[in-house]
Amino acid sequence: MGWEMEHTIVDLIYKRYFTPNGKVKVPNVMMVIFIVHHSLSCSMGMPMIIRYRTLRALHWMSFDLQLGGAMFEVAEYSKLLDIRRPNELRQFKICNFVLCVFMTWTRFIHWTYLSGSILLTFYRDENWMYLAAGIVPVLIFSLFVSTLYHIVSNQIQG
């Protein structure tokens, strides 16, 4: 959560409003994407830790989201490969297959299960404030990921 806040403040707000050509470096679309991207942890992170720190689904979700961010290093590595060489083409395919499987699992399958489990916990506890506050960023993040998936799949097919 601290990294998310730091990223929002330094990489978005500071670069946008306090550096030359800030609106070019961080256009409106990027601001919206990153605000949506960080909305879940910034709105629900601390309240969840205070009230539901022993909830297994919370720890799984944090693990999936943080490891997913780290997995982009694999994507960066794959950009360095020369796909004209058979060995590097094979590495490229392996890297992207692993990323595809990992992101599909953590961002769709496991995400749906975990967020549903957390929202169901709020419902069972009759914690209406958490349910109301949590359902919005869960739906926004789900829509965000679905939209990204749709864009990427269209680029692959096109």
Protein backbone atom coordinates (compact mmCIF):
# COMPACT_ATOMS: atom_id res chain seq x y z
CA MET A 1 0.00 0.00 0.00
CA GLY A 2 2.90 2.34 0.75
CA TRP A 3 4.40 1.71 -2.69
CA GLU A 4 1.03 2.38 -4.32
CA MET A 5 0.72 5.74 -2.53
CA GLU A 6 4.33 6.63 -3.31
CA HIS A 7 3.84 5.70 -6.96
CA THR A 8 0.68 7.80 -7.17
CA ILE A 9 2.28 10.84 -5.53
CA VAL A 10 5.76 10.76 -7.09
CA ASP A 11 5.28 9.14 -10.48
CA LEU A 12 1.91 10.59 -11.29
CA ILE A 13 1.10 13.79 -9.40
CA TYR A 14 4.65 15.15 -9.09
CA LYS A 15 5.60 14.33 -12.69
CA ARG A 16 2.30 15.64 -14.01
CA TYR A 17 2.12 18.96 -12.15
CA PHE A 18 5.68 19.85 -11.13
CA THR A 19 7.91 18.89 -14.07
CA PRO A 20 8.27 20.46 -17.50
CA ASN A 21 5.94 18.86 -20.06
CA GLY A 22 4.18 17.03 -17.24
CA LYS A 23 0.91 16.72 -19.15
CA VAL A 24 2.81 15.08 -22.00
CA LYS A 25 4.68 12.67 -19.70
CA VAL A 26 1.55 11.77 -17.75
CA PRO A 27 -1.53 12.34 -19.94
CA ASN A 28 -5.11 12.23 -18.64
CA VAL A 29 -5.59 8.65 -19.78
CA MET A 30 -2.56 7.49 -17.79
CA MET A 31 -3.79 9.36 -14.71
CA VAL A 32 -7.17 7.60 -14.90
CA ILE A 33 -5.60 4.18 -15.52
CA PHE A 34 -3.24 4.44 -12.55
CA ILE A 35 -5.86 5.87 -10.21
CA VAL A 36 -8.14 2.94 -11.05
CA HIS A 37 -5.20 0.55 -10.80
CA HIS A 38 -4.29 1.78 -7.30
CA SER A 39 -7.85 2.33 -6.05
CA LEU A 40 -8.26 -1.03 -4.33
CA SER A 41 -5.22 -0.95 -2.07
CA CYS A 42 -5.45 2.78 -1.36
CA SER A 43 -9.11 2.60 -0.34
CA MET A 44 -9.34 -0.81 1.36
CA GLY A 45 -5.77 -1.75 2.29
CA MET A 46 -5.51 -0.24 5.75
CA PRO A 47 -9.11 -0.97 6.84
CA MET A 48 -8.66 -4.61 5.79
CA ILE A 49 -5.41 -4.94 7.73
CA ILE A 50 -7.01 -3.41 10.83
CA ARG A 51 -10.19 -5.51 10.81
CA TYR A 52 -9.41 -8.67 8.79
CA ARG A 53 -5.66 -9.19 9.18
CA THR A 54 -6.12 -12.93 9.74
CA LEU A 55 -8.31 -13.44 6.66
CA ARG A 56 -6.54 -15.91 4.41
CA ALA A 57 -8.09 -14.49 1.22
CA LEU A 58 -6.60 -11.08 2.01
CA HIS A 59 -3.10 -12.54 2.21
CA TRP A 60 -3.59 -14.54 -1.00
CA MET A 61 -4.86 -11.47 -2.83
CA SER A 62 -1.92 -9.38 -1.63
CA PHE A 63 0.50 -12.13 -2.67
CA ASP A 64 -1.08 -12.49 -6.13
CA LEU A 65 -1.13 -8.76 -6.80
CA GLN A 66 2.42 -8.12 -5.59
CA LEU A 67 3.92 -11.13 -7.34
CA GLY A 68 2.00 -10.16 -10.47
CA GLY A 69 3.73 -6.80 -10.44
CA ALA A 70 7.08 -8.48 -10.01
CA MET A 71 6.33 -10.84 -12.91
CA PHE A 72 6.51 -7.91 -15.29
CA GLU A 73 10.28 -8.24 -14.95
CA VAL A 74 9.87 -11.43 -16.98
CA ALA A 75 8.09 -9.38 -19.64
CA GLU A 76 10.91 -6.83 -19.61
CA TYR A 77 13.46 -9.63 -20.02
CA SER A 78 11.53 -11.04 -22.97
CA LYS A 79 11.75 -7.64 -24.71
CA LEU A 80 15.53 -7.94 -24.71
CA LEU A 81 15.52 -11.22 -26.64
CA ASP A 82 16.35 -11.40 -30.35
CA ILE A 83 13.54 -13.61 -31.68
CA ARG A 84 15.47 -14.22 -34.92
CA ARG A 85 17.68 -16.60 -32.95
CA PRO A 86 15.99 -19.96 -32.28
CA ASN A 87 17.22 -20.21 -28.68
CA GLU A 88 16.03 -16.70 -27.81
CA LEU A 89 12.73 -17.25 -29.64
CA ARG A 90 12.18 -20.31 -27.44
CA GLN A 91 12.96 -18.24 -24.32
CA PHE A 92 10.56 -15.57 -25.55
CA LYS A 93 7.77 -18.12 -25.99
CA ILE A 94 8.41 -19.66 -22.57
CA CYS A 95 8.46 -16.27 -20.84
CA ASN A 96 5.22 -15.17 -22.47
CA PHE A 97 3.51 -18.51 -21.87
CA VAL A 98 4.42 -18.35 -18.17
CA LEU A 99 3.17 -14.76 -17.98
CA CYS A 100 -0.06 -15.64 -19.74
CA VAL A 101 -0.78 -18.56 -17.42
CA PHE A 102 0.22 -16.62 -14.30
CA MET A 103 -1.80 -13.51 -15.18
CA THR A 104 -4.84 -15.54 -16.22
CA TRP A 105 -4.73 -17.39 -12.90
CA THR A 106 -4.01 -14.42 -10.61
CA ARG A 107 -6.00 -11.72 -12.42
CA PHE A 108 -9.08 -13.70 -13.43
CA ILE A 109 -9.58 -17.10 -11.79
CA HIS A 110 -8.04 -16.60 -8.36
CA TRP A 111 -9.04 -12.90 -8.29
CA THR A 112 -12.71 -13.79 -8.79
CA TYR A 113 -12.60 -16.44 -6.08
CA LEU A 114 -10.71 -14.27 -3.58
CA SER A 115 -12.69 -11.08 -4.08
CA GLY A 116 -15.94 -13.06 -3.88
CA SER A 117 -14.71 -14.72 -0.68
CA ILE A 118 -13.79 -11.38 0.87
CA LEU A 119 -17.10 -9.75 -0.08
CA LEU A 120 -18.95 -12.80 1.24
CA THR A 121 -17.04 -12.45 4.54
CA PHE A 122 -18.24 -8.84 4.79
CA TYR A 123 -21.80 -10.00 4.11
CA ARG A 124 -21.67 -12.81 6.68
CA ASP A 125 -20.21 -10.43 9.28
CA GLU A 126 -22.96 -7.94 8.41
CA ASN A 127 -20.21 -5.41 7.89
CA TRP A 128 -22.21 -3.25 5.49
CA MET A 129 -19.74 -0.37 5.45
CA TYR A 130 -16.89 -2.62 4.29
CA LEU A 131 -19.17 -4.33 1.79
CA ALA A 132 -20.30 -1.02 0.31
CA ALA A 133 -16.78 0.40 0.28
CA GLY A 134 -15.18 -2.80 -1.01
CA ILE A 135 -17.54 -3.67 -3.82
CA VAL A 136 -16.77 -0.50 -5.79
CA PRO A 137 -12.98 -0.94 -6.13
CA VAL A 138 -13.39 -4.70 -6.70
CA LEU A 139 -15.77 -4.03 -9.60
CA ILE A 140 -13.60 -1.22 -10.97
CA PHE A 141 -10.44 -3.34 -10.78
CA SER A 142 -12.26 -6.29 -12.39
CA LEU A 143 -13.47 -4.04 -15.21
CA PHE A 144 -9.97 -2.59 -15.56
CA VAL A 145 -8.36 -6.03 -15.91
CA SER A 146 -11.09 -7.23 -18.30
CA THR A 147 -10.58 -4.17 -20.48
CA LEU A 148 -6.81 -4.68 -20.56
CA TYR A 149 -7.30 -8.35 -21.45
CA HIS A 150 -9.65 -7.36 -24.28
CA ILE A 151 -7.16 -4.80 -25.64
CA VAL A 152 -4.24 -7.23 -25.49
CA SER A 153 -6.20 -10.09 -27.09
CA ASN A 154 -7.30 -7.76 -29.93
CA GLN A 155 -3.68 -6.72 -30.52
CA ILE A 156 -2.56 -10.36 -30.60
CA GLN A 157 -5.29 -11.32 -33.07
CA GLY A 158 -4.84 -8.18 -35.18
